[in-house]
């Protein structure tokens, strides 16, 4: 499990990369990745390319990130999830809360 983050060159968005299992064990690292930036100032991209698994605690973390982001509707983009991750997001109707790519 690994969480890393990178500020974009224009400093308007932060990409958070999740690798391995995205579950409660990543809670502290995930929070640190976005709470390093003031609330409401950045947009976030969560890159799930290397995420193997996503559970309900990860969905809760994504909702907290949404509250922290610059905008409610498109302040967080979830991208590149594998089929299992995409299924969990679809079943939870996260497409209504996040931009999913």
PDB file of N, CA and C in Angstrom:
ATOM      1  N   UNK A   1       0.843  -1.170   0.000  1.00  0.00           N
ATOM      2  CA  UNK A   1       0.000   0.000   0.000  1.00  0.00           C
ATOM      3  C   UNK A   1       0.878   1.218   0.000  1.00  0.00           C
ATOM      4  N   UNK A   2       0.499   2.158  -0.840  1.00  0.00           N
ATOM      5  CA  UNK A   2       1.290   3.371  -0.957  1.00  0.00           C
ATOM      6  C   UNK A   2       0.394   4.516  -1.418  1.00  0.00           C
ATOM      7  N   UNK A   3       0.612   5.671  -0.811  1.00  0.00           N
ATOM      8  CA  UNK A   3      -0.084   6.893  -1.201  1.00  0.00           C
ATOM      9  C   UNK A   3       0.981   7.944  -1.464  1.00  0.00           C
ATOM     10  N   UNK A   4       0.916   8.588  -2.613  1.00  0.00           N
ATOM     11  CA  UNK A   4       1.819   9.700  -2.893  1.00  0.00           C
ATOM     12  C   UNK A   4       1.007  10.829  -3.508  1.00  0.00           C
ATOM     13  N   UNK A   5       1.537  12.028  -3.426  1.00  0.00           N
ATOM     14  CA  UNK A   5       0.823  13.165  -4.008  1.00  0.00           C
ATOM     15  C   UNK A   5       1.800  14.100  -4.694  1.00  0.00           C
ATOM     16  N   UNK A   6       1.268  14.816  -5.687  1.00  0.00           N
ATOM     17  CA  UNK A   6       2.090  15.749  -6.446  1.00  0.00           C
ATOM     18  C   UNK A   6       1.245  16.953  -6.842  1.00  0.00           C
ATOM     19  N   UNK A   7       1.765  18.129  -6.596  1.00  0.00           N
ATOM     20  CA  UNK A   7       1.116  19.382  -6.970  1.00  0.00           C
ATOM     21  C   UNK A   7       1.383  19.652  -8.442  1.00  0.00           C
ATOM     22  N   UNK A   8       0.359  20.066  -9.180  1.00  0.00           N
ATOM     23  CA  UNK A   8       0.519  20.361 -10.606  1.00  0.00           C
ATOM     24  C   UNK A   8       1.404  21.596 -10.798  1.00  0.00           C
ATOM     25  N   UNK A   9       1.929  21.764 -11.991  1.00  0.00           N
ATOM     26  CA  UNK A   9       2.823  22.892 -12.268  1.00  0.00           C
ATOM     27  C   UNK A   9       2.117  24.238 -12.127  1.00  0.00           C
ATOM     28  N   UNK A  10       0.791  24.264 -12.375  1.00  0.00           N
ATOM     29  CA  UNK A  10       0.047  25.518 -12.204  1.00  0.00           C
ATOM     30  C   UNK A  10      -0.452  25.712 -10.768  1.00  0.00           C
ATOM     31  N   UNK A  11      -0.165  24.729  -9.910  1.00  0.00           N
ATOM     32  CA  UNK A  11      -0.506  24.744  -8.490  1.00  0.00           C
ATOM     33  C   UNK A  11      -2.007  24.824  -8.198  1.00  0.00           C
ATOM     34  N   UNK A  12      -2.833  24.407  -9.162  1.00  0.00           N
ATOM     35  CA  UNK A  12      -4.284  24.421  -8.972  1.00  0.00           C
ATOM     36  C   UNK A  12      -4.839  23.057  -8.585  1.00  0.00           C
ATOM     37  N   UNK A  13      -4.089  22.004  -8.871  1.00  0.00           N
ATOM     38  CA  UNK A  13      -4.598  20.669  -8.556  1.00  0.00           C
ATOM     39  C   UNK A  13      -3.494  19.781  -7.977  1.00  0.00           C
ATOM     40  N   UNK A  14      -3.953  18.769  -7.274  1.00  0.00           N
ATOM     41  CA  UNK A  14      -3.070  17.804  -6.635  1.00  0.00           C
ATOM     42  C   UNK A  14      -3.472  16.417  -7.135  1.00  0.00           C
ATOM     43  N   UNK A  15      -2.496  15.647  -7.571  1.00  0.00           N
ATOM     44  CA  UNK A  15      -2.749  14.263  -7.953  1.00  0.00           C
ATOM     45  C   UNK A  15      -2.312  13.368  -6.802  1.00  0.00           C
ATOM     46  N   UNK A  16      -3.243  12.535  -6.357  1.00  0.00           N
ATOM     47  CA  UNK A  16      -2.966  11.562  -5.306  1.00  0.00           C
ATOM     48  C   UNK A  16      -2.963  10.189  -5.962  1.00  0.00           C
ATOM     49  N   UNK A  17      -1.848   9.489  -5.847  1.00  0.00           N
ATOM     50  CA  UNK A  17      -1.696   8.168  -6.462  1.00  0.00           C
ATOM     51  C   UNK A  17      -1.843   7.109  -5.371  1.00  0.00           C
ATOM     52  N   UNK A  18      -2.788   6.198  -5.598  1.00  0.00           N
ATOM     53  CA  UNK A  18      -3.048   5.101  -4.659  1.00  0.00           C
ATOM     54  C   UNK A  18      -2.524   3.813  -5.290  1.00  0.00           C
ATOM     55  N   UNK A  19      -1.683   3.113  -4.556  1.00  0.00           N
ATOM     56  CA  UNK A  19      -1.159   1.823  -5.030  1.00  0.00           C
ATOM     57  C   UNK A  19      -1.480   0.753  -3.994  1.00  0.00           C
ATOM     58  N   UNK A  20      -1.848  -0.416  -4.474  1.00  0.00           N
ATOM     59  CA  UNK A  20      -2.171  -1.531  -3.571  1.00  0.00           C
ATOM     60  C   UNK A  20      -3.601  -1.448  -3.083  1.00  0.00           C
ATOM     61  N   UNK A  21      -3.822  -1.890  -1.856  1.00  0.00           N
ATOM     62  CA  UNK A  21      -5.168  -1.904  -1.267  1.00  0.00           C
ATOM     63  C   UNK A  21      -5.521  -0.508  -0.763  1.00  0.00           C
ATOM     64  N   UNK A  22      -6.665  -0.010  -1.180  1.00  0.00           N
ATOM     65  CA  UNK A  22      -7.162   1.282  -0.716  1.00  0.00           C
ATOM     66  C   UNK A  22      -8.217   0.975   0.344  1.00  0.00           C
ATOM     67  N   UNK A  23      -7.758   0.940   1.604  1.00  0.00           N
ATOM     68  CA  UNK A  23      -8.635   0.577   2.710  1.00  0.00           C
ATOM     69  C   UNK A  23      -8.220   1.360   3.951  1.00  0.00           C
ATOM     70  N   UNK A  24      -8.732   0.970   5.101  1.00  0.00           N
ATOM     71  CA  UNK A  24      -8.486   1.742   6.323  1.00  0.00           C
ATOM     72  C   UNK A  24      -7.000   1.887   6.646  1.00  0.00           C
ATOM     73  N   UNK A  25      -6.197   0.943   6.227  1.00  0.00           N
ATOM     74  CA  UNK A  25      -4.761   1.020   6.516  1.00  0.00           C
ATOM     75  C   UNK A  25      -4.100   2.217   5.832  1.00  0.00           C
ATOM     76  N   UNK A  26      -4.744   2.788   4.828  1.00  0.00           N
ATOM     77  CA  UNK A  26      -4.190   3.944   4.111  1.00  0.00           C
ATOM     78  C   UNK A  26      -4.747   5.269   4.621  1.00  0.00           C
ATOM     79  N   UNK A  27      -5.603   5.213   5.637  1.00  0.00           N
ATOM     80  CA  UNK A  27      -6.316   6.408   6.104  1.00  0.00           C
ATOM     81  C   UNK A  27      -5.383   7.575   6.427  1.00  0.00           C
ATOM     82  N   UNK A  28      -4.397   7.357   7.268  1.00  0.00           N
ATOM     83  CA  UNK A  28      -3.492   8.447   7.671  1.00  0.00           C
ATOM     84  C   UNK A  28      -2.732   9.015   6.477  1.00  0.00           C
ATOM     85  N   UNK A  29      -2.166   8.160   5.660  1.00  0.00           N
ATOM     86  CA  UNK A  29      -1.388   8.620   4.506  1.00  0.00           C
ATOM     87  C   UNK A  29      -2.264   9.375   3.514  1.00  0.00           C
ATOM     88  N   UNK A  30      -3.488   8.889   3.296  1.00  0.00           N
ATOM     89  CA  UNK A  30      -4.389   9.554   2.357  1.00  0.00           C
ATOM     90  C   UNK A  30      -4.776  10.940   2.887  1.00  0.00           C
ATOM     91  N   UNK A  31      -5.101  11.026   4.172  1.00  0.00           N
ATOM     92  CA  UNK A  31      -5.452  12.326   4.755  1.00  0.00           C
ATOM     93  C   UNK A  31      -4.287  13.306   4.678  1.00  0.00           C
ATOM     94  N   UNK A  32      -3.094  12.835   4.955  1.00  0.00           N
ATOM     95  CA  UNK A  32      -1.921  13.701   4.888  1.00  0.00           C
ATOM     96  C   UNK A  32      -1.683  14.214   3.471  1.00  0.00           C
ATOM     97  N   UNK A  33      -2.025  13.409   2.479  1.00  0.00           N
ATOM     98  CA  UNK A  33      -1.800  13.789   1.083  1.00  0.00           C
ATOM     99  C   UNK A  33      -2.623  15.003   0.675  1.00  0.00           C
ATOM    100  N   UNK A  34      -3.828  15.158   1.237  1.00  0.00           N
ATOM    101  CA  UNK A  34      -4.629  16.319   0.859  1.00  0.00           C
ATOM    102  C   UNK A  34      -4.702  17.394   1.935  1.00  0.00           C
ATOM    103  N   UNK A  35      -4.558  17.034   3.186  1.00  0.00           N
ATOM    104  CA  UNK A  35      -4.644  18.040   4.244  1.00  0.00           C
ATOM    105  C   UNK A  35      -3.396  18.915   4.319  1.00  0.00           C
ATOM    106  N   UNK A  36      -2.401  18.603   3.522  1.00  0.00           N
ATOM    107  CA  UNK A  36      -1.226  19.459   3.417  1.00  0.00           C
ATOM    108  C   UNK A  36      -1.582  20.771   2.707  1.00  0.00           C
ATOM    109  N   UNK A  37      -2.767  20.801   2.085  1.00  0.00           N
ATOM    110  CA  UNK A  37      -3.219  21.975   1.333  1.00  0.00           C
ATOM    111  C   UNK A  37      -4.474  22.543   1.990  1.00  0.00           C
ATOM    112  N   UNK A  38      -4.602  23.881   2.029  1.00  0.00           N
ATOM    113  CA  UNK A  38      -5.775  24.493   2.674  1.00  0.00           C
ATOM    114  C   UNK A  38      -7.087  24.044   2.026  1.00  0.00           C
ATOM    115  N   UNK A  39      -8.093  23.901   2.858  1.00  0.00           N
ATOM    116  CA  UNK A  39      -9.425  23.482   2.422  1.00  0.00           C
ATOM    117  C   UNK A  39      -9.983  24.467   1.386  1.00  0.00           C
ATOM    118  N   UNK A  40     -10.546  23.905   0.314  1.00  0.00           N
ATOM    119  CA  UNK A  40     -11.231  24.711  -0.693  1.00  0.00           C
ATOM    120  C   UNK A  40     -10.343  25.373  -1.722  1.00  0.00           C
ATOM    121  N   UNK A  41      -9.042  25.114  -1.697  1.00  0.00           N
ATOM    122  CA  UNK A  41      -8.140  25.807  -2.618  1.00  0.00           C
ATOM    123  C   UNK A  41      -7.693  24.981  -3.813  1.00  0.00           C
ATOM    124  N   UNK A  42      -7.799  23.672  -3.735  1.00  0.00           N
ATOM    125  CA  UNK A  42      -7.272  22.812  -4.810  1.00  0.00           C
ATOM    126  C   UNK A  42      -8.337  21.867  -5.333  1.00  0.00           C
ATOM    127  N   UNK A  43      -8.141  21.467  -6.576  1.00  0.00           N
ATOM    128  CA  UNK A  43      -8.873  20.347  -7.156  1.00  0.00           C
ATOM    129  C   UNK A  43      -7.973  19.124  -6.999  1.00  0.00           C
ATOM    130  N   UNK A  44      -8.579  17.946  -6.986  1.00  0.00           N
ATOM    131  CA  UNK A  44      -7.816  16.722  -6.761  1.00  0.00           C
ATOM    132  C   UNK A  44      -8.114  15.697  -7.836  1.00  0.00           C
ATOM    133  N   UNK A  45      -7.071  14.983  -8.210  1.00  0.00           N
ATOM    134  CA  UNK A  45      -7.186  13.828  -9.099  1.00  0.00           C
ATOM    135  C   UNK A  45      -6.684  12.636  -8.291  1.00  0.00           C
ATOM    136  N   UNK A  46      -7.523  11.620  -8.151  1.00  0.00           N
ATOM    137  CA  UNK A  46      -7.108  10.401  -7.455  1.00  0.00           C
ATOM    138  C   UNK A  46      -6.837   9.361  -8.536  1.00  0.00           C
ATOM    139  N   UNK A  47      -5.571   9.038  -8.706  1.00  0.00           N
ATOM    140  CA  UNK A  47      -5.143   8.073  -9.719  1.00  0.00           C
ATOM    141  C   UNK A  47      -5.182   6.676  -9.110  1.00  0.00           C
ATOM    142  N   UNK A  48      -6.099   5.874  -9.605  1.00  0.00           N
ATOM    143  CA  UNK A  48      -6.325   4.522  -9.082  1.00  0.00           C
ATOM    144  C   UNK A  48      -5.724   3.442  -9.984  1.00  0.00           C
ATOM    145  N   UNK A  49      -4.820   3.829 -10.862  1.00  0.00           N
ATOM    146  CA  UNK A  49      -4.217   2.886 -11.806  1.00  0.00           C
ATOM    147  C   UNK A  49      -3.667   1.650 -11.102  1.00  0.00           C
ATOM    148  N   UNK A  50      -2.990   1.855  -9.979  1.00  0.00           N
ATOM    149  CA  UNK A  50      -2.337   0.742  -9.276  1.00  0.00           C
ATOM    150  C   UNK A  50      -3.096   0.290  -8.037  1.00  0.00           C
ATOM    151  N   UNK A  51      -4.329   0.760  -7.873  1.00  0.00           N
ATOM    152  CA  UNK A  51      -5.145   0.320  -6.738  1.00  0.00           C
ATOM    153  C   UNK A  51      -5.727  -1.051  -7.054  1.00  0.00           C
ATOM    154  N   UNK A  52      -5.509  -2.001  -6.165  1.00  0.00           N
ATOM    155  CA  UNK A  52      -5.992  -3.355  -6.381  1.00  0.00           C
ATOM    156  C   UNK A  52      -7.387  -3.569  -5.817  1.00  0.00           C
ATOM    157  N   UNK A  53      -7.758  -2.746  -4.838  1.00  0.00           N
ATOM    158  CA  UNK A  53      -8.956  -3.013  -4.046  1.00  0.00           C
ATOM    159  C   UNK A  53      -9.414  -1.699  -3.435  1.00  0.00           C
ATOM    160  N   UNK A  54     -10.707  -1.561  -3.256  1.00  0.00           N
ATOM    161  CA  UNK A  54     -11.285  -0.369  -2.639  1.00  0.00           C
ATOM    162  C   UNK A  54     -12.432  -0.829  -1.745  1.00  0.00           C
ATOM    163  N   UNK A  55     -12.447  -0.401  -0.484  1.00  0.00           N
ATOM    164  CA  UNK A  55     -13.525  -0.816   0.406  1.00  0.00           C
ATOM    165  C   UNK A  55     -14.316   0.392   0.900  1.00  0.00           C
ATOM    166  N   UNK A  56     -15.259   0.157   1.818  1.00  0.00           N
ATOM    167  CA  UNK A  56     -16.135   1.231   2.281  1.00  0.00           C
ATOM    168  C   UNK A  56     -15.376   2.330   3.010  1.00  0.00           C
ATOM    169  N   UNK A  57     -14.301   2.006   3.694  1.00  0.00           N
ATOM    170  CA  UNK A  57     -13.533   3.064   4.357  1.00  0.00           C
ATOM    171  C   UNK A  57     -12.843   3.951   3.319  1.00  0.00           C
ATOM    172  N   UNK A  58     -12.422   3.381   2.204  1.00  0.00           N
ATOM    173  CA  UNK A  58     -11.845   4.183   1.122  1.00  0.00           C
ATOM    174  C   UNK A  58     -12.897   5.114   0.535  1.00  0.00           C
ATOM    175  N   UNK A  59     -14.119   4.627   0.403  1.00  0.00           N
ATOM    176  CA  UNK A  59     -15.186   5.488  -0.108  1.00  0.00           C
ATOM    177  C   UNK A  59     -15.443   6.643   0.855  1.00  0.00           C
ATOM    178  N   UNK A  60     -15.375   6.366   2.154  1.00  0.00           N
ATOM    179  CA  UNK A  60     -15.513   7.428   3.146  1.00  0.00           C
ATOM    180  C   UNK A  60     -14.394   8.450   3.027  1.00  0.00           C
ATOM    181  N   UNK A  61     -13.176   7.985   2.779  1.00  0.00           N
ATOM    182  CA  UNK A  61     -12.047   8.901   2.601  1.00  0.00           C
ATOM    183  C   UNK A  61     -12.239   9.773   1.365  1.00  0.00           C
ATOM    184  N   UNK A  62     -12.780   9.188   0.303  1.00  0.00           N
ATOM    185  CA  UNK A  62     -13.043   9.966  -0.907  1.00  0.00           C
ATOM    186  C   UNK A  62     -14.101  11.037  -0.646  1.00  0.00           C
ATOM    187  N   UNK A  63     -15.102  10.706   0.152  1.00  0.00           N
ATOM    188  CA  UNK A  63     -16.121  11.707   0.502  1.00  0.00           C
ATOM    189  C   UNK A  63     -15.522  12.835   1.330  1.00  0.00           C
ATOM    190  N   UNK A  64     -14.605  12.509   2.242  1.00  0.00           N
ATOM    191  CA  UNK A  64     -13.929  13.547   3.008  1.00  0.00           C
ATOM    192  C   UNK A  64     -13.079  14.426   2.099  1.00  0.00           C
ATOM    193  N   UNK A  65     -12.422  13.818   1.132  1.00  0.00           N
ATOM    194  CA  UNK A  65     -11.634  14.579   0.164  1.00  0.00           C
ATOM    195  C   UNK A  65     -12.536  15.527  -0.621  1.00  0.00           C
ATOM    196  N   UNK A  66     -13.688  15.050  -1.002  1.00  0.00           N
ATOM    197  CA  UNK A  66     -14.646  15.892  -1.746  1.00  0.00           C
ATOM    198  C   UNK A  66     -15.015  17.134  -0.941  1.00  0.00           C
ATOM    199  N   UNK A  67     -15.234  16.970   0.357  1.00  0.00           N
ATOM    200  CA  UNK A  67     -15.553  18.108   1.212  1.00  0.00           C
ATOM    201  C   UNK A  67     -14.379  19.073   1.325  1.00  0.00           C
ATOM    202  N   UNK A  68     -13.181  18.564   1.203  1.00  0.00           N
ATOM    203  CA  UNK A  68     -11.970  19.380   1.336  1.00  0.00           C
ATOM    204  C   UNK A  68     -11.626  20.118   0.040  1.00  0.00           C
ATOM    205  N   UNK A  69     -12.130  19.632  -1.086  1.00  0.00           N
ATOM    206  CA  UNK A  69     -11.733  20.156  -2.399  1.00  0.00           C
ATOM    207  C   UNK A  69     -12.322  21.527  -2.687  1.00  0.00           C
ATOM    208  N   UNK A  70     -11.893  22.100  -3.810  1.00  0.00           N
ATOM    209  CA  UNK A  70     -12.309  23.445  -4.207  1.00  0.00           C
ATOM    210  C   UNK A  70     -13.769  23.507  -4.640  1.00  0.00           C
ATOM    211  N   UNK A  71     -14.282  22.440  -5.220  1.00  0.00           N
ATOM    212  CA  UNK A  71     -15.645  22.430  -5.737  1.00  0.00           C
ATOM    213  C   UNK A  71     -16.313  21.110  -5.388  1.00  0.00           C
ATOM    214  N   UNK A  72     -17.620  21.160  -5.162  1.00  0.00           N
ATOM    215  CA  UNK A  72     -18.340  19.934  -4.829  1.00  0.00           C
ATOM    216  C   UNK A  72     -18.505  19.006  -6.028  1.00  0.00           C
ATOM    217  N   UNK A  73     -18.882  19.540  -7.181  1.00  0.00           N
ATOM    218  CA  UNK A  73     -19.247  18.670  -8.290  1.00  0.00           C
ATOM    219  C   UNK A  73     -18.062  18.115  -9.064  1.00  0.00           C
ATOM    220  N   UNK A  74     -17.066  18.927  -9.342  1.00  0.00           N
ATOM    221  CA  UNK A  74     -15.938  18.419 -10.120  1.00  0.00           C
ATOM    222  C   UNK A  74     -14.599  18.712  -9.449  1.00  0.00           C
ATOM    223  N   UNK A  75     -14.611  18.850  -8.147  1.00  0.00           N
ATOM    224  CA  UNK A  75     -13.379  19.118  -7.409  1.00  0.00           C
ATOM    225  C   UNK A  75     -12.501  17.899  -7.246  1.00  0.00           C
ATOM    226  N   UNK A  76     -13.083  16.708  -7.474  1.00  0.00           N
ATOM    227  CA  UNK A  76     -12.323  15.463  -7.352  1.00  0.00           C
ATOM    228  C   UNK A  76     -12.608  14.598  -8.577  1.00  0.00           C
ATOM    229  N   UNK A  77     -11.550  14.182  -9.229  1.00  0.00           N
ATOM    230  CA  UNK A  77     -11.647  13.264 -10.366  1.00  0.00           C
ATOM    231  C   UNK A  77     -11.038  11.937  -9.938  1.00  0.00           C
ATOM    232  N   UNK A  78     -11.775  10.860 -10.137  1.00  0.00           N
ATOM    233  CA  UNK A  78     -11.277   9.510  -9.871  1.00  0.00           C
ATOM    234  C   UNK A  78     -10.952   8.885 -11.213  1.00  0.00           C
ATOM    235  N   UNK A  79      -9.704   8.469 -11.415  1.00  0.00           N
ATOM    236  CA  UNK A  79      -9.357   7.972 -12.748  1.00  0.00           C
ATOM    237  C   UNK A  79      -8.568   6.681 -12.715  1.00  0.00           C
ATOM    238  N   UNK A  80      -8.725   5.938 -13.781  1.00  0.00           N
ATOM    239  CA  UNK A  80      -7.937   4.743 -14.080  1.00  0.00           C
ATOM    240  C   UNK A  80      -8.137   3.571 -13.127  1.00  0.00           C
ATOM    241  N   UNK A  81      -9.297   3.468 -12.503  1.00  0.00           N
ATOM    242  CA  UNK A  81      -9.561   2.311 -11.648  1.00  0.00           C
ATOM    243  C   UNK A  81      -9.735   1.049 -12.477  1.00  0.00           C
ATOM    244  N   UNK A  82      -9.293  -0.081 -11.944  1.00  0.00           N
ATOM    245  CA  UNK A  82      -9.496  -1.343 -12.657  1.00  0.00           C
ATOM    246  C   UNK A  82     -10.982  -1.713 -12.627  1.00  0.00           C
ATOM    247  N   UNK A  83     -11.324  -2.812 -13.244  1.00  0.00           N
ATOM    248  CA  UNK A  83     -12.736  -3.195 -13.362  1.00  0.00           C
ATOM    249  C   UNK A  83     -13.408  -3.375 -12.001  1.00  0.00           C
ATOM    250  N   UNK A  84     -12.729  -4.003 -11.048  1.00  0.00           N
ATOM    251  CA  UNK A  84     -13.311  -4.218  -9.717  1.00  0.00           C
ATOM    252  C   UNK A  84     -13.543  -2.891  -8.999  1.00  0.00           C
ATOM    253  N   UNK A  85     -12.581  -1.989  -9.082  1.00  0.00           N
ATOM    254  CA  UNK A  85     -12.718  -0.661  -8.462  1.00  0.00           C
ATOM    255  C   UNK A  85     -13.855   0.104  -9.128  1.00  0.00           C
ATOM    256  N   UNK A  86     -13.914   0.062 -10.442  1.00  0.00           N
ATOM    257  CA  UNK A  86     -14.990   0.738 -11.182  1.00  0.00           C
ATOM    258  C   UNK A  86     -16.356   0.190 -10.768  1.00  0.00           C
ATOM    259  N   UNK A  87     -16.460  -1.118 -10.573  1.00  0.00           N
ATOM    260  CA  UNK A  87     -17.726  -1.727 -10.156  1.00  0.00           C
ATOM    261  C   UNK A  87     -18.170  -1.211  -8.790  1.00  0.00           C
ATOM    262  N   UNK A  88     -17.234  -1.129  -7.847  1.00  0.00           N
ATOM    263  CA  UNK A  88     -17.571  -0.625  -6.512  1.00  0.00           C
ATOM    264  C   UNK A  88     -18.062   0.825  -6.606  1.00  0.00           C
ATOM    265  N   UNK A  89     -17.363   1.644  -7.372  1.00  0.00           N
ATOM    266  CA  UNK A  89     -17.760   3.049  -7.526  1.00  0.00           C
ATOM    267  C   UNK A  89     -19.132   3.167  -8.192  1.00  0.00           C
ATOM    268  N   UNK A  90     -19.383   2.315  -9.175  1.00  0.00           N
ATOM    269  CA  UNK A  90     -20.671   2.344  -9.881  1.00  0.00           C
ATOM    270  C   UNK A  90     -21.805   1.915  -8.960  1.00  0.00           C
ATOM    271  N   UNK A  91     -21.607   0.823  -8.233  1.00  0.00           N
ATOM    272  CA  UNK A  91     -22.645   0.319  -7.325  1.00  0.00           C
ATOM    273  C   UNK A  91     -22.976   1.349  -6.249  1.00  0.00           C
ATOM    274  N   UNK A  92     -21.971   2.095  -5.798  1.00  0.00           N
ATOM    275  CA  UNK A  92     -22.177   3.114  -4.764  1.00  0.00           C
ATOM    276  C   UNK A  92     -22.686   4.438  -5.340  1.00  0.00           C
ATOM    277  N   UNK A  93     -22.938   4.476  -6.645  1.00  0.00           N
ATOM    278  CA  UNK A  93     -23.410   5.695  -7.328  1.00  0.00           C
ATOM    279  C   UNK A  93     -22.460   6.871  -7.159  1.00  0.00           C
ATOM    280  N   UNK A  94     -21.169   6.592  -7.086  1.00  0.00           N
ATOM    281  CA  UNK A  94     -20.196   7.664  -6.934  1.00  0.00           C
ATOM    282  C   UNK A  94     -20.083   8.534  -8.181  1.00  0.00           C
ATOM    283  N   UNK A  95     -20.597   8.058  -9.293  1.00  0.00           N
ATOM    284  CA  UNK A  95     -20.614   8.866 -10.514  1.00  0.00           C
ATOM    285  C   UNK A  95     -21.463  10.117 -10.364  1.00  0.00           C
ATOM    286  N   UNK A  96     -22.353  10.137  -9.391  1.00  0.00           N
ATOM    287  CA  UNK A  96     -23.169  11.324  -9.124  1.00  0.00           C
ATOM    288  C   UNK A  96     -22.424  12.343  -8.260  1.00  0.00           C
ATOM    289  N   UNK A  97     -21.375  11.896  -7.586  1.00  0.00           N
ATOM    290  CA  UNK A  97     -20.644  12.756  -6.668  1.00  0.00           C
ATOM    291  C   UNK A  97     -19.264  13.164  -7.181  1.00  0.00           C
ATOM    292  N   UNK A  98     -18.718  12.349  -8.075  1.00  0.00           N
ATOM    293  CA  UNK A  98     -17.362  12.557  -8.569  1.00  0.00           C
ATOM    294  C   UNK A  98     -17.351  12.443 -10.084  1.00  0.00           C
ATOM    295  N   UNK A  99     -16.320  13.009 -10.687  1.00  0.00           N
ATOM    296  CA  UNK A  99     -16.037  12.750 -12.095  1.00  0.00           C
ATOM    297  C   UNK A  99     -15.209  11.464 -12.107  1.00  0.00           C
ATOM    298  N   UNK A 100     -15.683  10.464 -12.836  1.00  0.00           N
ATOM    299  CA  UNK A 100     -14.960   9.196 -12.911  1.00  0.00           C
ATOM    300  C   UNK A 100     -14.485   9.003 -14.357  1.00  0.00           C
ATOM    301  N   UNK A 101     -13.203   8.824 -14.494  1.00  0.00           N
ATOM    302  CA  UNK A 101     -12.612   8.663 -15.841  1.00  0.00           C
ATOM    303  C   UNK A 101     -11.959   7.311 -15.957  1.00  0.00           C
TER     304      UNK A 101
END
